[in-house]
C-alpha atoms as a PDB file:
ATOM      1  CA  MET A   1      19.204 -24.258   7.368  1.00  0.00           C
ATOM      2  CA  SER A   2      16.232 -22.082   8.160  1.00  0.00           C
ATOM      3  CA  ASN A   3      18.096 -18.775   7.896  1.00  0.00           C
ATOM      4  CA  ASP A   4      17.886 -17.211   4.405  1.00  0.00           C
ATOM      5  CA  HIS A   5      21.355 -15.712   4.844  1.00  0.00           C
ATOM      6  CA  ASP A   6      23.103 -18.856   6.126  1.00  0.00           C
ATOM      7  CA  PRO A   7      26.627 -18.965   4.587  1.00  0.00           C
ATOM      8  CA  LEU A   8      26.667 -22.776   4.576  1.00  0.00           C
ATOM      9  CA  ARG A   9      23.392 -22.849   2.649  1.00  0.00           C
ATOM     10  CA  ARG A  10      24.801 -20.459   0.038  1.00  0.00           C
ATOM     11  CA  THR A  11      27.973 -22.529  -0.280  1.00  0.00           C
ATOM     12  CA  VAL A  12      25.997 -25.726  -0.828  1.00  0.00           C
ATOM     13  CA  ILE A  13      23.715 -24.054  -3.385  1.00  0.00           C
ATOM     14  CA  ALA A  14      26.688 -22.562  -5.228  1.00  0.00           C
ATOM     15  CA  ALA A  15      28.489 -25.915  -5.304  1.00  0.00           C
ATOM     16  CA  LEU A  16      25.431 -27.731  -6.641  1.00  0.00           C
ATOM     17  CA  ALA A  17      24.745 -25.033  -9.197  1.00  0.00           C
ATOM     18  CA  SER A  18      28.326 -24.977 -10.459  1.00  0.00           C
ATOM     19  CA  ALA A  19      28.483 -28.719 -11.112  1.00  0.00           C
ATOM     20  CA  PRO A  20      26.918 -28.472 -14.606  1.00  0.00           C
ATOM     21  CA  LEU A  21      29.310 -25.616 -15.423  1.00  0.00           C
ATOM     22  CA  LEU A  22      32.337 -27.858 -14.995  1.00  0.00           C
ATOM     23  CA  SER A  23      31.698 -29.284 -18.459  1.00  0.00           C
ATOM     24  CA  LEU A  24      31.926 -25.744 -19.860  1.00  0.00           C
ATOM     25  CA  ALA A  25      35.425 -25.291 -18.440  1.00  0.00           C
ATOM     26  CA  ASP A  26      36.931 -27.357 -21.252  1.00  0.00           C
ATOM     27  CA  THR A  27      35.310 -25.187 -23.931  1.00  0.00           C
ATOM     28  CA  GLN A  28      36.488 -21.860 -22.481  1.00  0.00           C
ATOM     29  CA  THR A  29      40.108 -20.758 -22.772  1.00  0.00           C
ATOM     30  CA  THR A  30      41.631 -19.814 -19.435  1.00  0.00           C
ATOM     31  CA  SER A  31      43.438 -16.750 -20.791  1.00  0.00           C
ATOM     32  CA  GLU A  32      40.230 -15.234 -22.104  1.00  0.00           C
ATOM     33  CA  ALA A  33      38.513 -12.789 -19.731  1.00  0.00           C
ATOM     34  CA  PRO A  34      34.722 -12.376 -19.796  1.00  0.00           C
ATOM     35  CA  ARG A  35      33.772 -10.214 -22.732  1.00  0.00           C
ATOM     36  CA  SER A  36      31.906  -6.981 -22.515  1.00  0.00           C
ATOM     37  CA  GLY A  37      29.197  -6.770 -25.132  1.00  0.00           C
ATOM     38  CA  SER A  38      29.013 -10.536 -25.627  1.00  0.00           C
ATOM     39  CA  ARG A  39      26.075 -12.160 -27.374  1.00  0.00           C
ATOM     40  CA  ILE A  40      25.128 -14.039 -24.196  1.00  0.00           C
ATOM     41  CA  LEU A  41      23.210 -12.334 -21.409  1.00  0.00           C
ATOM     42  CA  VAL A  42      22.466 -13.790 -17.995  1.00  0.00           C
ATOM     43  CA  ALA A  43      19.553 -11.821 -16.529  1.00  0.00           C
ATOM     44  CA  TYR A  44      18.483 -12.679 -12.998  1.00  0.00           C
ATOM     45  CA  PHE A  45      16.271 -11.570 -10.130  1.00  0.00           C
ATOM     46  CA  SER A  46      17.323 -12.452  -6.613  1.00  0.00           C
ATOM     47  CA  ARG A  47      15.448 -11.594  -3.437  1.00  0.00           C
ATOM     48  CA  SER A  48      17.746 -13.378  -0.987  1.00  0.00           C
ATOM     49  CA  GLY A  49      21.017 -13.467  -2.948  1.00  0.00           C
ATOM     50  CA  ASN A  50      21.042 -17.168  -3.824  1.00  0.00           C
ATOM     51  CA  THR A  51      20.104 -16.608  -7.464  1.00  0.00           C
ATOM     52  CA  HIS A  52      22.764 -13.889  -7.660  1.00  0.00           C
ATOM     53  CA  VAL A  53      25.432 -16.450  -6.720  1.00  0.00           C
ATOM     54  CA  VAL A  54      24.209 -18.939  -9.326  1.00  0.00           C
ATOM     55  CA  ALA A  55      23.910 -16.253 -12.015  1.00  0.00           C
ATOM     56  CA  GLY A  56      27.484 -15.170 -11.314  1.00  0.00           C
ATOM     57  CA  LEU A  57      28.734 -18.728 -11.730  1.00  0.00           C
ATOM     58  CA  ILE A  58      26.894 -19.085 -15.038  1.00  0.00           C
ATOM     59  CA  GLN A  59      28.122 -15.695 -16.214  1.00  0.00           C
ATOM     60  CA  ARG A  60      31.749 -16.539 -15.481  1.00  0.00           C
ATOM     61  CA  GLY A  61      31.436 -20.004 -17.010  1.00  0.00           C
ATOM     62  CA  LEU A  62      30.031 -18.669 -20.266  1.00  0.00           C
ATOM     63  CA  GLY A  63      31.909 -15.373 -20.439  1.00  0.00           C
ATOM     64  CA  ALA A  64      28.517 -13.659 -20.666  1.00  0.00           C
ATOM     65  CA  ASP A  65      27.204 -10.262 -19.681  1.00  0.00           C
ATOM     66  CA  LEU A  66      25.329 -10.094 -16.374  1.00  0.00           C
ATOM     67  CA  PHE A  67      22.192  -8.069 -15.699  1.00  0.00           C
ATOM     68  CA  GLU A  68      20.347  -7.800 -12.378  1.00  0.00           C
ATOM     69  CA  ILE A  69      16.591  -7.240 -12.545  1.00  0.00           C
ATOM     70  CA  ARG A  70      15.593  -4.955  -9.670  1.00  0.00           C
ATOM     71  CA  PRO A  71      12.044  -4.289  -8.457  1.00  0.00           C
ATOM     72  CA  ALA A  72      10.724  -0.727  -8.717  1.00  0.00           C
ATOM     73  CA  HIS A  73       9.766  -0.901  -5.025  1.00  0.00           C
ATOM     74  CA  ALA A  74      11.785  -2.905  -2.508  1.00  0.00           C
ATOM     75  CA  TYR A  75      10.206  -6.054  -1.124  1.00  0.00           C
ATOM     76  CA  PRO A  76       9.555  -6.312   2.633  1.00  0.00           C
ATOM     77  CA  GLU A  77      12.306  -8.026   4.642  1.00  0.00           C
ATOM     78  CA  ASP A  78       9.777 -10.544   6.006  1.00  0.00           C
ATOM     79  CA  TYR A  79       9.215 -13.253   3.402  1.00  0.00           C
ATOM     80  CA  LEU A  80       5.632 -13.935   4.559  1.00  0.00           C
ATOM     81  CA  GLN A  81       4.724 -10.282   3.941  1.00  0.00           C
ATOM     82  CA  THR A  82       6.169 -10.605   0.466  1.00  0.00           C
ATOM     83  CA  VAL A  83       4.031 -13.676  -0.248  1.00  0.00           C
ATOM     84  CA  GLU A  84       0.883 -11.905   0.935  1.00  0.00           C
END
């Protein structure tokens, strides 16, 4: 699992992250679509896309609004350059 864009890695992360959301399924009605202008906001920053997946799961589970935080200047593709 060394590749940052490994589909299996993303699937495992998404499955683990969605486990706590299963308890929210009982509190949300299935006929209700996510609201626009809700009082809940999920704001996230994701360099590799993993946090985006988790934020989407949370957003759908809560019926919240979703906001992506983007850097003013793109990060380098190489993670080690980003750390430096």
